[in-house]
Amino acid sequence: MPVTAGSGRAGLGWLGIVRLGLVQSAIGAIVMLATSLLNRVMVVEYALPVALPAALVAWHYAVQLSRPLWGHRSDTARRRTPWIIGGMAILALGAVLAVQSTGLLAASWGGGIALAVLAFAMIGAGVGAAGTSLLALLASETAPSRRAAAASITWVMMVAGIVVTAAIASKLLDPFSFERLRAVACSIALGAFCVALIAVLGVERAPASPDEARAPQAEPSAPVGSFGDALAEMMADPPARHFTMFVFLSMLAYSMQDLILEPFAGLVFHFSPGQSTGLSATQHSGVLIGMVVAGIGGSAFGQGTPTAMRRWIIGGCLGSAAALLGLAVAARFGPGWPLSANIWLLGFANGLFAVAAIGAMMSLAGAAGPGREGMRMGVWGAAQAVAFGLGGLTGAVGVDVGRALMGATERAFMLVFGAEAMLFVLAMWLALGVAAIRPVPPIARLTRKAVI
């Protein structure tokens, strides 16, 4: 069996990776329930302002700024499993409370808002604790040659969990009533928690000895230390710092088209609601295939090395930029442009860079030595959460401002899609910068400080 770098012990097998992928599926299922299904119910069935669910989703992303803290705590605890289980429990309970707050809003606006804010805070905290610890566990336990495939498997399973849960919920919710919504939501939350619990138990290996339990290190490295010290150490590492900027910029570009793609199809190409909704399925089919290609290709041809992963990242960023420039041209060209093919290519390129970025993330997470994966995954998860929260808003505001200033819908979309393309090019440049820098071992950083 392969050996995890830095541990000297056998890495996770394929079954263990798939089991952790089930945890990711459970996280995706509950998040879909809270951020997608409830969004529609609040706006359509309860006729609440569109800004309310949007603000709650943004709030749950803001709470995920706590990801570095959750990661650091799992580092210092030397165990990831309790944090995954605890995070899943908080996430499931938060989703149930979010549903309850939706019903309460009809009777008591103030009470419903207060409960919704609490519920979405719990959702953000649960995703932060469970998701960060899960990625840290994958990073520390997966052999380098399997990291690309592991990233692909877990992310494909997350998307599959979202799709399957949405399909099941759509069948069970008709005819709609609040009681039926509550029953379906509680069943999904409880079922997802049980799946995650069964999947994760026993995957993380117990320390081989009491000495390893106290200090599971295979090479000299400094103790994890306080949260502030661990964060400062990470930010002093040039590859980690550059990669944080890459994650933010690439995910900002990735999410900017979320809220404008369907309006673009309707306003410029005159698509019906059904046709524009079908574009989302087209895009996500491309994302899934891109993820599979990057996962297989990264492991088969690059042995999962950081350099190989960066090649896939660069290719995915360039492909995403090219596809977005195609959409900018499409805004000018109008009907007659192969819009569906263009959007599928965008999804495919997005899938390539997303999986490759996760694979590189796993490699860089362990570059500073054992016991630091959680902090690093937490910082990168927080950067992603902030980017996702800002991305959709930036894209939508950009179109509105562009239409107001230029008086032309097509030019506004050209501007936003062009800006997205430039962000992907900038993200690619940052990825090249990470490739040019070698991580500084913790013992070397300590020696440098001592000399200074």
Protein backbone atom coordinates (compact mmCIF):
# COMPACT_ATOMS: atom_id res chain seq x y z
CA MET A 1 0.00 0.00 0.00
CA PRO A 2 1.12 3.57 -0.57
CA VAL A 3 2.63 5.56 2.22
CA THR A 4 1.42 8.99 3.20
CA ALA A 5 4.25 11.45 2.94
CA GLY A 6 5.47 12.57 6.27
CA SER A 7 3.73 9.85 8.25
CA GLY A 8 5.64 6.73 7.39
CA ARG A 9 2.39 4.76 7.58
CA ALA A 10 0.12 3.26 4.93
CA GLY A 11 -2.24 5.77 3.39
CA LEU A 12 -5.99 5.55 2.91
CA GLY A 13 -7.21 2.86 0.55
CA TRP A 14 -9.87 3.47 -2.08
CA LEU A 15 -12.64 2.26 0.24
CA GLY A 16 -11.58 4.75 2.89
CA ILE A 17 -11.55 7.58 0.32
CA VAL A 18 -15.04 6.63 -0.87
CA ARG A 19 -16.27 6.54 2.73
CA LEU A 20 -15.00 10.07 3.28
CA GLY A 21 -16.68 10.98 -0.01
CA LEU A 22 -19.96 9.85 1.57
CA VAL A 23 -19.38 12.39 4.34
CA GLN A 24 -18.92 15.07 1.69
CA SER A 25 -22.17 13.89 0.05
CA ALA A 26 -23.96 14.27 3.38
CA ILE A 27 -22.61 17.80 3.82
CA GLY A 28 -23.73 18.73 0.29
CA ALA A 29 -27.21 17.28 0.86
CA ILE A 30 -27.86 19.33 3.99
CA VAL A 31 -26.38 22.52 2.53
CA MET A 32 -28.61 22.11 -0.55
CA LEU A 33 -31.62 21.82 1.74
CA ALA A 34 -30.76 25.04 3.57
CA THR A 35 -29.41 27.25 0.80
CA SER A 36 -31.38 26.13 -2.27
CA LEU A 37 -34.69 24.57 -1.25
CA LEU A 38 -35.45 27.04 1.54
CA ASN A 39 -34.44 29.90 -0.74
CA ARG A 40 -37.23 28.94 -3.16
CA VAL A 41 -39.77 28.24 -0.40
CA MET A 42 -39.18 31.61 1.28
CA VAL A 43 -39.52 33.57 -1.95
CA VAL A 44 -42.28 31.63 -3.77
CA GLU A 45 -44.46 29.87 -1.19
CA TYR A 46 -44.11 32.48 1.57
CA ALA A 47 -43.69 35.57 -0.67
CA LEU A 48 -40.79 36.88 1.41
CA PRO A 49 -38.29 39.41 0.01
CA VAL A 50 -35.61 37.86 -2.20
CA ALA A 51 -32.99 39.73 -0.18
CA LEU A 52 -33.83 37.73 2.97
CA PRO A 53 -32.63 34.27 1.88
CA ALA A 54 -29.74 35.90 -0.01
CA ALA A 55 -28.63 37.65 3.19
CA LEU A 56 -28.94 34.42 5.19
CA VAL A 57 -26.83 32.49 2.68
CA ALA A 58 -24.22 35.28 2.79
CA TRP A 59 -24.31 35.09 6.60
CA HIS A 60 -23.60 31.35 6.55
CA TYR A 61 -20.57 32.05 4.33
CA ALA A 62 -19.42 34.78 6.72
CA VAL A 63 -19.57 32.37 9.65
CA GLN A 64 -17.26 30.06 7.70
CA LEU A 65 -14.48 32.54 8.33
CA SER A 66 -14.14 30.44 11.51
CA ARG A 67 -12.73 27.57 9.41
CA PRO A 68 -9.09 28.26 10.40
CA LEU A 69 -10.07 28.02 14.08
CA TRP A 70 -11.84 24.69 13.56
CA GLY A 71 -8.84 23.39 11.60
CA HIS A 72 -6.41 24.48 14.29
CA ARG A 73 -8.47 22.79 16.99
CA SER A 74 -8.47 19.52 15.08
CA ASP A 75 -4.69 19.90 14.66
CA THR A 76 -4.11 20.35 18.38
CA ALA A 77 -6.54 17.54 19.26
CA ARG A 78 -4.58 15.17 16.96
CA ARG A 79 -7.92 13.65 15.92
CA ARG A 80 -10.24 14.71 13.08
CA THR A 81 -13.17 12.31 13.50
CA PRO A 82 -14.78 13.96 16.60
CA TRP A 83 -14.73 17.33 14.83
CA ILE A 84 -16.33 15.87 11.72
CA ILE A 85 -19.09 14.20 13.73
CA GLY A 86 -19.64 17.27 15.91
CA GLY A 87 -19.75 19.53 12.86
CA MET A 88 -22.28 17.27 11.14
CA ALA A 89 -24.49 17.34 14.24
CA ILE A 90 -24.41 21.16 14.34
CA LEU A 91 -25.07 21.32 10.58
CA ALA A 92 -28.05 18.95 10.72
CA LEU A 93 -29.59 20.73 13.70
CA GLY A 94 -29.05 24.11 12.03
CA ALA A 95 -30.87 22.93 8.89
CA VAL A 96 -33.85 21.74 10.96
CA LEU A 97 -33.98 25.08 12.80
CA ALA A 98 -33.77 26.94 9.47
CA VAL A 99 -36.89 25.13 8.28
CA GLN A 100 -38.63 25.91 11.56
CA SER A 101 -37.70 29.58 11.23
CA THR A 102 -39.35 29.69 7.80
CA GLY A 103 -42.68 28.69 9.31
CA LEU A 104 -42.21 31.05 12.24
CA LEU A 105 -41.65 34.03 9.92
CA ALA A 106 -45.30 33.90 8.89
CA ALA A 107 -46.45 34.33 12.48
CA SER A 108 -43.69 36.38 14.07
CA TRP A 109 -41.29 38.34 11.86
CA GLY A 110 -38.87 39.20 14.67
CA GLY A 111 -38.82 35.71 16.16
CA GLY A 112 -38.47 34.10 12.75
CA ILE A 113 -35.55 36.34 11.78
CA ALA A 114 -33.76 35.68 15.09
CA LEU A 115 -34.17 31.92 14.70
CA ALA A 116 -33.08 32.05 11.04
CA VAL A 117 -29.91 33.98 11.92
CA LEU A 118 -29.08 31.41 14.62
CA ALA A 119 -29.87 28.50 12.28
CA PHE A 120 -27.71 29.75 9.42
CA ALA A 121 -24.90 30.54 11.86
CA MET A 122 -25.05 26.88 12.94
CA ILE A 123 -25.05 25.78 9.30
CA GLY A 124 -21.94 27.85 8.60
CA ALA A 125 -20.21 26.61 11.76
CA GLY A 126 -21.17 22.99 11.01
CA VAL A 127 -19.85 23.17 7.45
CA GLY A 128 -16.68 24.83 8.75
CA ALA A 129 -16.00 22.24 11.45
CA ALA A 130 -16.95 19.12 9.49
CA GLY A 131 -15.71 20.22 6.06
CA THR A 132 -12.35 21.56 7.23
CA SER A 133 -11.61 18.52 9.39
CA LEU A 134 -12.66 16.19 6.57
CA LEU A 135 -10.27 17.84 4.10
CA ALA A 136 -7.49 17.83 6.69
CA LEU A 137 -8.05 14.11 7.24
CA LEU A 138 -7.88 13.48 3.49
CA ALA A 139 -4.71 15.56 3.22
CA SER A 140 -2.92 13.81 6.08
CA GLU A 141 -4.04 10.24 5.33
CA THR A 142 -4.05 10.05 1.52
CA ALA A 143 -0.91 9.01 -0.34
CA PRO A 144 0.42 11.67 -2.77
CA SER A 145 -0.26 9.48 -5.81
CA ARG A 146 -3.94 9.24 -4.88
CA ARG A 147 -4.67 12.86 -3.93
CA ALA A 148 -5.98 13.93 -7.35
CA ALA A 149 -8.27 10.92 -7.53
CA ALA A 150 -9.35 11.45 -3.90
CA ALA A 151 -10.28 15.08 -4.63
CA SER A 152 -12.21 13.99 -7.72
CA ILE A 153 -14.06 11.21 -5.89
CA THR A 154 -15.08 13.34 -2.92
CA TRP A 155 -16.22 16.30 -5.01
CA VAL A 156 -18.13 14.15 -7.52
CA MET A 157 -19.82 12.44 -4.58
CA MET A 158 -20.70 15.82 -3.07
CA VAL A 159 -22.37 16.93 -6.32
CA ALA A 160 -24.10 13.55 -6.56
CA GLY A 161 -25.38 13.96 -3.00
CA ILE A 162 -26.84 17.34 -3.90
CA VAL A 163 -28.48 16.02 -7.08
CA VAL A 164 -29.94 12.89 -5.47
CA THR A 165 -31.24 14.78 -2.43
CA ALA A 166 -32.83 17.46 -4.62
CA ALA A 167 -34.53 14.82 -6.75
CA ILE A 168 -35.89 12.96 -3.72
CA ALA A 169 -37.05 16.14 -1.99
CA SER A 170 -38.83 17.38 -5.13
CA LYS A 171 -40.88 14.17 -5.23
CA LEU A 172 -41.76 14.15 -1.54
CA LEU A 173 -42.70 17.83 -1.17
CA ASP A 174 -45.76 17.75 -3.46
CA PRO A 175 -48.43 18.72 -2.57
CA PHE A 176 -46.64 21.40 -0.56
CA SER A 177 -47.38 22.12 3.08
CA PHE A 178 -45.21 23.32 5.94
CA GLU A 179 -45.73 20.05 7.80
CA ARG A 180 -44.55 18.09 4.77
CA LEU A 181 -41.55 20.42 4.36
CA ARG A 182 -40.59 19.94 7.99
CA ALA A 183 -40.93 16.15 7.78
CA VAL A 184 -38.84 15.94 4.60
CA ALA A 185 -36.19 18.31 5.95
CA CYS A 186 -35.87 16.45 9.26
CA SER A 187 -35.61 13.13 7.42
CA ILE A 188 -32.89 14.44 5.09
CA ALA A 189 -30.92 16.01 7.94
CA LEU A 190 -31.15 12.90 10.13
CA GLY A 191 -30.38 10.57 7.23
CA ALA A 192 -27.36 12.62 6.15
CA PHE A 193 -26.01 12.71 9.70
CA CYS A 194 -26.38 8.93 10.07
CA VAL A 195 -24.67 8.31 6.70
CA ALA A 196 -21.77 10.57 7.70
CA LEU A 197 -21.48 8.96 11.14
CA ILE A 198 -21.38 5.41 9.77
CA ALA A 199 -19.03 6.42 6.94
CA VAL A 200 -16.41 8.20 9.06
CA LEU A 201 -16.20 5.87 12.05
CA GLY A 202 -13.05 3.76 11.87
CA VAL A 203 -11.53 5.52 8.85
CA GLU A 204 -9.05 7.57 10.86
CA ARG A 205 -6.37 5.28 12.22
CA ALA A 206 -5.61 5.31 15.91
CA PRO A 207 -2.06 6.37 16.87
CA ALA A 208 0.35 3.46 16.76
CA SER A 209 1.68 4.16 20.24
CA PRO A 210 1.18 6.51 23.20
CA ASP A 211 4.29 8.41 22.09
CA GLU A 212 2.80 8.94 18.63
CA ALA A 213 -0.48 10.02 20.19
CA ARG A 214 1.35 12.74 22.08
CA ALA A 215 3.49 13.83 19.09
CA PRO A 216 2.67 12.18 15.74
CA GLN A 217 5.71 13.53 13.91
CA ALA A 218 7.98 11.76 11.48
CA GLU A 219 10.40 14.66 11.06
CA PRO A 220 11.55 17.53 13.28
CA SER A 221 8.94 20.27 13.45
CA ALA A 222 7.77 22.83 15.92
CA PRO A 223 4.74 22.19 18.09
CA VAL A 224 1.43 23.37 16.67
CA GLY A 225 1.28 26.19 19.24
CA SER A 226 -1.49 28.73 19.69
CA PHE A 227 -3.95 29.70 16.97
CA GLY A 228 -2.19 33.04 16.39
CA ASP A 229 1.23 31.42 16.16
CA ALA A 230 -0.03 28.74 13.76
CA LEU A 231 -1.72 31.33 11.54
CA ALA A 232 1.37 33.56 11.51
CA GLU A 233 3.56 30.58 10.62
CA MET A 234 1.31 29.66 7.72
CA MET A 235 1.19 33.21 6.35
CA ALA A 236 5.00 33.38 6.56
CA ASP A 237 5.20 30.46 4.11
CA PRO A 238 5.25 31.95 0.54
CA PRO A 239 3.55 28.97 -1.21
CA ALA A 240 0.75 28.93 1.39
CA ARG A 241 0.27 32.69 1.12
CA HIS A 242 0.23 32.65 -2.69
CA PHE A 243 -2.12 29.68 -2.70
CA THR A 244 -4.55 31.52 -0.39
CA MET A 245 -4.69 34.37 -2.91
CA PHE A 246 -5.14 31.85 -5.73
CA VAL A 247 -8.07 30.15 -3.97
CA PHE A 248 -9.78 33.49 -3.37
CA LEU A 249 -9.35 34.83 -6.91
CA SER A 250 -10.19 31.59 -8.71
CA MET A 251 -13.31 30.94 -6.61
CA LEU A 252 -14.38 34.57 -6.99
CA ALA A 253 -14.18 34.11 -10.77
CA TYR A 254 -15.86 30.70 -10.50
CA SER A 255 -18.89 32.07 -8.64
CA MET A 256 -19.39 35.43 -10.40
CA GLN A 257 -21.59 33.91 -13.09
CA ASP A 258 -23.84 31.99 -10.64
CA LEU A 259 -26.60 34.59 -10.51
CA ILE A 260 -26.30 36.04 -14.02
CA LEU A 261 -25.99 33.06 -16.36
CA GLU A 262 -29.71 32.30 -16.58
CA PRO A 263 -30.72 35.98 -16.84
CA PHE A 264 -28.08 36.30 -19.59
CA ALA A 265 -29.69 33.46 -21.52
CA GLY A 266 -33.13 35.02 -21.12
CA LEU A 267 -32.25 38.66 -21.83
CA VAL A 268 -29.77 38.18 -24.70
CA PHE A 269 -30.77 34.81 -26.20
CA HIS A 270 -34.50 34.97 -25.34
CA PHE A 271 -34.48 31.56 -23.64
CA SER A 272 -37.61 30.46 -21.81
CA PRO A 273 -37.36 29.73 -18.05
CA GLY A 274 -37.21 26.01 -18.80
CA GLN A 275 -34.49 26.46 -21.40
CA SER A 276 -32.36 28.69 -19.17
CA THR A 277 -32.73 26.28 -16.26
CA GLY A 278 -31.50 23.51 -18.54
CA LEU A 279 -28.25 25.44 -18.98
CA SER A 280 -27.48 24.79 -15.31
CA ALA A 281 -27.70 21.04 -15.93
CA THR A 282 -25.48 21.46 -19.00
CA GLN A 283 -22.87 23.36 -17.01
CA HIS A 284 -22.84 20.90 -14.11
CA SER A 285 -22.51 17.92 -16.45
CA GLY A 286 -19.37 19.61 -17.78
CA VAL A 287 -18.15 20.22 -14.22
CA LEU A 288 -18.58 16.54 -13.32
CA ILE A 289 -16.76 15.31 -16.42
CA GLY A 290 -13.96 17.83 -15.83
CA MET A 291 -13.59 16.62 -12.26
CA VAL A 292 -13.38 12.99 -13.37
CA VAL A 293 -10.83 13.79 -16.10
CA ALA A 294 -8.63 15.79 -13.70
CA GLY A 295 -8.89 13.10 -11.03
CA ILE A 296 -7.95 10.26 -13.37
CA GLY A 297 -5.40 12.24 -15.35
CA GLY A 298 -3.73 13.76 -12.30
CA SER A 299 -3.21 10.35 -10.73
CA ALA A 300 -2.41 8.37 -13.87
CA PHE A 301 -0.05 10.79 -15.63
CA GLY A 302 1.32 12.95 -12.84
CA GLN A 303 1.31 10.55 -9.87
CA GLY A 304 -0.55 13.26 -7.93
CA THR A 305 2.53 15.46 -7.52
CA PRO A 306 2.03 19.18 -6.80
CA THR A 307 3.76 20.06 -10.10
CA ALA A 308 1.37 17.82 -12.04
CA MET A 309 -1.62 19.28 -10.21
CA ARG A 310 -0.48 22.80 -11.07
CA ARG A 311 -0.44 21.87 -14.75
CA TRP A 312 -4.11 20.88 -14.48
CA ILE A 313 -4.87 24.05 -12.51
CA ILE A 314 -3.26 26.21 -15.19
CA GLY A 315 -5.08 24.35 -17.97
CA GLY A 316 -8.39 24.68 -16.14
CA CYS A 317 -7.89 28.40 -15.51
CA LEU A 318 -6.94 29.04 -19.14
CA GLY A 319 -9.90 26.99 -20.36
CA SER A 320 -12.27 28.85 -18.01
CA ALA A 321 -10.92 32.21 -19.20
CA ALA A 322 -11.33 31.18 -22.85
CA ALA A 323 -14.90 29.99 -22.24
CA LEU A 324 -15.78 33.24 -20.46
CA LEU A 325 -14.33 35.28 -23.32
CA GLY A 326 -16.56 33.18 -25.54
CA LEU A 327 -19.56 34.25 -23.48
CA ALA A 328 -18.43 37.88 -23.79
CA VAL A 329 -18.40 37.43 -27.58
CA ALA A 330 -21.77 35.68 -27.33
CA ALA A 331 -23.24 38.76 -25.66
CA ARG A 332 -22.19 40.75 -28.72
CA PHE A 333 -23.11 38.07 -31.25
CA GLY A 334 -26.51 37.15 -29.75
CA PRO A 335 -28.77 34.29 -30.94
CA GLY A 336 -26.94 31.93 -33.25
CA TRP A 337 -23.95 31.52 -30.94
CA PRO A 338 -23.53 27.91 -29.67
CA LEU A 339 -24.41 28.94 -26.12
CA SER A 340 -24.99 25.44 -24.69
CA ALA A 341 -21.63 24.18 -25.98
CA ASN A 342 -19.91 27.30 -24.64
CA ILE A 343 -21.42 26.81 -21.19
CA TRP A 344 -20.56 23.11 -21.16
CA LEU A 345 -16.93 23.99 -21.93
CA LEU A 346 -16.98 26.50 -19.07
CA GLY A 347 -18.22 23.81 -16.69
CA PHE A 348 -15.62 21.32 -17.97
CA ALA A 349 -12.74 23.77 -17.44
CA ASN A 350 -14.12 24.72 -14.01
CA GLY A 351 -14.17 21.05 -13.03
CA LEU A 352 -10.56 20.58 -14.17
CA PHE A 353 -9.15 23.43 -12.09
CA ALA A 354 -11.38 22.78 -9.06
CA VAL A 355 -10.27 19.18 -8.55
CA ALA A 356 -6.65 19.99 -9.37
CA ALA A 357 -6.75 22.84 -6.86
CA ILE A 358 -8.05 20.52 -4.14
CA GLY A 359 -5.31 18.00 -4.98
CA ALA A 360 -2.63 20.71 -4.76
CA MET A 361 -4.24 21.95 -1.57
CA MET A 362 -3.82 18.50 0.00
CA SER A 363 -0.14 18.47 -0.97
CA LEU A 364 0.55 21.97 0.36
CA ALA A 365 -1.43 21.26 3.53
CA GLY A 366 1.14 18.67 4.57
CA ALA A 367 4.18 20.60 3.30
CA ALA A 368 4.83 22.22 6.68
CA GLY A 369 4.88 18.90 8.52
CA PRO A 370 2.34 16.85 10.47
CA GLY A 371 -0.25 18.53 12.66
CA ARG A 372 -0.75 21.60 10.45
CA GLU A 373 -3.19 20.33 7.83
CA GLY A 374 -6.28 21.58 9.63
CA MET A 375 -5.09 25.17 9.95
CA ARG A 376 -4.09 25.34 6.29
CA MET A 377 -7.30 23.75 5.05
CA GLY A 378 -9.22 26.11 7.30
CA VAL A 379 -7.58 29.23 5.89
CA TRP A 380 -8.16 28.08 2.31
CA GLY A 381 -11.75 27.10 3.13
CA ALA A 382 -12.34 30.55 4.61
CA ALA A 383 -10.90 32.20 1.48
CA GLN A 384 -13.24 30.08 -0.65
CA ALA A 385 -16.26 30.96 1.50
CA VAL A 386 -15.55 34.70 1.26
CA ALA A 387 -15.06 34.41 -2.51
CA PHE A 388 -18.33 32.51 -2.94
CA GLY A 389 -20.18 35.06 -0.82
CA LEU A 390 -18.79 37.97 -2.85
CA GLY A 391 -18.75 36.34 -6.28
CA GLY A 392 -22.46 36.07 -7.00
CA LEU A 393 -23.12 39.51 -5.55
CA THR A 394 -20.28 41.08 -7.56
CA GLY A 395 -21.49 39.57 -10.82
CA ALA A 396 -25.09 40.67 -10.29
CA VAL A 397 -24.16 44.18 -9.18
CA GLY A 398 -21.71 44.46 -12.08
CA VAL A 399 -24.47 43.72 -14.60
CA ASP A 400 -26.87 46.19 -12.96
CA VAL A 401 -24.25 48.95 -12.80
CA GLY A 402 -23.13 48.26 -16.37
CA ARG A 403 -26.69 48.44 -17.68
CA ALA A 404 -27.28 51.70 -15.83
CA LEU A 405 -24.05 53.36 -17.01
CA MET A 406 -23.87 52.05 -20.57
CA GLY A 407 -27.56 51.67 -21.30
CA ALA A 408 -26.96 48.34 -23.06
CA THR A 409 -27.59 44.93 -21.56
CA GLU A 410 -25.23 43.16 -23.95
CA ARG A 411 -22.29 45.44 -23.08
CA ALA A 412 -22.92 44.96 -19.36
CA PHE A 413 -22.66 41.18 -19.72
CA MET A 414 -19.57 41.56 -21.91
CA LEU A 415 -17.93 43.61 -19.17
CA VAL A 416 -18.68 41.12 -16.39
CA PHE A 417 -17.70 38.02 -18.37
CA GLY A 418 -14.51 39.75 -19.51
CA ALA A 419 -13.67 40.68 -15.91
CA GLU A 420 -14.22 37.05 -14.87
CA ALA A 421 -11.85 35.89 -17.59
CA MET A 422 -9.16 38.30 -16.37
CA LEU A 423 -9.58 37.00 -12.82
CA PHE A 424 -8.93 33.46 -14.05
CA VAL A 425 -5.80 34.65 -15.88
CA LEU A 426 -4.61 36.36 -12.70
CA ALA A 427 -5.35 33.19 -10.71
CA MET A 428 -3.30 31.20 -13.21
CA TRP A 429 -0.39 33.63 -12.76
CA LEU A 430 -0.59 33.13 -8.99
CA ALA A 431 -0.57 29.35 -9.49
CA LEU A 432 2.62 29.73 -11.50
CA GLY A 433 4.07 31.76 -8.62
CA VAL A 434 3.31 28.98 -6.16
CA ALA A 435 5.02 26.50 -8.47
CA ALA A 436 8.23 28.53 -8.40
CA ILE A 437 8.58 28.52 -4.61
CA ARG A 438 9.59 25.64 -2.41
CA PRO A 439 7.88 25.30 0.99
CA VAL A 440 10.04 26.33 3.94
CA PRO A 441 10.24 23.49 6.51
CA PRO A 442 9.10 24.47 10.02
CA ILE A 443 12.52 23.71 11.56
CA ALA A 444 14.15 26.05 9.03
CA ARG A 445 11.72 28.83 9.90
CA LEU A 446 12.54 28.37 13.59
CA THR A 447 16.26 28.51 12.88
CA ARG A 448 15.82 31.65 10.79
CA LYS A 449 13.91 33.33 13.63
CA ALA A 450 16.59 32.33 16.12
CA VAL A 451 19.32 33.80 13.93
CA ILE A 452 17.39 37.03 13.51
